[in-house]
Amino acid sequence: MSKTMGDYIKELLKAQNKTQSALAACLGVKRQAMTYKFSKNQWSLDDLKRTAEFFGVKLSDLIAGSGEK
């Protein structure tokens, strides 16, 4: 079974010792909006591009790492 994008991003946060609050700041949203993104797995392309930059990875690697298609 594939993990969701939110699950993969949580793994990256833990691996890089970063917080959801820091990611929220990078995306320009409130912490509560991050909770929604994770719970509903709602990530726009812009969100994913900024998240990839936040983690220092390529967008394609971020998408591939989640296993989502």
Protein backbone atom coordinates (compact mmCIF):
# COMPACT_ATOMS: atom_id res chain seq x y z
CA MET A 1 0.00 0.00 0.00
CA SER A 2 1.29 3.45 -0.90
CA LYS A 3 1.75 6.04 1.77
CA THR A 4 0.08 9.41 1.36
CA MET A 5 1.98 12.56 0.56
CA GLY A 6 1.26 13.73 4.10
CA ASP A 7 2.76 10.56 5.56
CA TYR A 8 5.90 10.99 3.46
CA ILE A 9 6.24 14.65 4.40
CA LYS A 10 5.90 13.74 8.08
CA GLU A 11 8.73 11.22 7.62
CA LEU A 12 10.90 13.90 6.02
CA LEU A 13 10.12 16.34 8.83
CA LYS A 14 11.23 13.77 11.38
CA ALA A 15 14.32 12.73 9.41
CA GLN A 16 15.46 16.34 8.99
CA ASN A 17 14.42 17.39 12.50
CA LYS A 18 12.07 20.06 11.15
CA THR A 19 8.61 21.04 12.35
CA GLN A 20 5.21 21.37 10.74
CA SER A 21 5.21 24.96 11.97
CA ALA A 22 8.41 25.69 10.04
CA LEU A 23 6.91 24.08 6.93
CA ALA A 24 3.75 26.14 7.40
CA ALA A 25 5.84 29.31 7.51
CA CYS A 26 7.63 28.26 4.31
CA LEU A 27 4.27 27.69 2.60
CA GLY A 28 2.90 30.97 3.96
CA VAL A 29 0.00 29.34 5.80
CA LYS A 30 -1.08 29.04 9.41
CA ARG A 31 -0.29 25.93 11.42
CA GLN A 32 -4.00 25.02 11.39
CA ALA A 33 -3.94 24.93 7.58
CA MET A 34 -1.12 22.39 7.79
CA THR A 35 -3.30 20.14 9.93
CA TYR A 36 -5.93 20.26 7.18
CA LYS A 37 -3.38 19.48 4.47
CA PHE A 38 -2.15 16.44 6.38
CA SER A 39 -5.58 15.15 7.40
CA LYS A 40 -7.23 15.61 4.00
CA ASN A 41 -4.07 15.02 1.94
CA GLN A 42 -4.68 18.31 0.12
CA TRP A 43 -1.44 19.49 -1.48
CA SER A 44 -1.39 21.88 -4.43
CA LEU A 45 1.42 21.82 -6.96
CA ASP A 46 2.71 25.08 -5.48
CA ASP A 47 2.65 23.49 -2.01
CA LEU A 48 4.68 20.57 -3.28
CA LYS A 49 7.21 22.78 -5.06
CA ARG A 50 7.76 24.84 -1.92
CA THR A 51 7.88 21.72 0.25
CA ALA A 52 10.56 20.21 -2.00
CA GLU A 53 12.60 23.41 -1.67
CA PHE A 54 12.08 23.36 2.11
CA PHE A 55 13.57 19.87 2.29
CA GLY A 56 16.25 20.49 -0.36
CA VAL A 57 14.97 17.77 -2.68
CA LYS A 58 13.70 17.70 -6.25
CA LEU A 59 9.95 17.88 -6.75
CA SER A 60 10.05 14.60 -8.67
CA ASP A 61 11.84 12.92 -5.75
CA LEU A 62 9.26 14.24 -3.30
CA ILE A 63 6.43 12.86 -5.42
CA ALA A 64 8.21 9.56 -6.10
CA GLY A 65 9.02 9.12 -2.42
CA SER A 66 5.38 9.22 -1.44
CA GLY A 67 4.49 6.45 -3.87
CA GLU A 68 1.45 8.45 -5.04
CA LYS A 69 0.68 8.65 -8.71
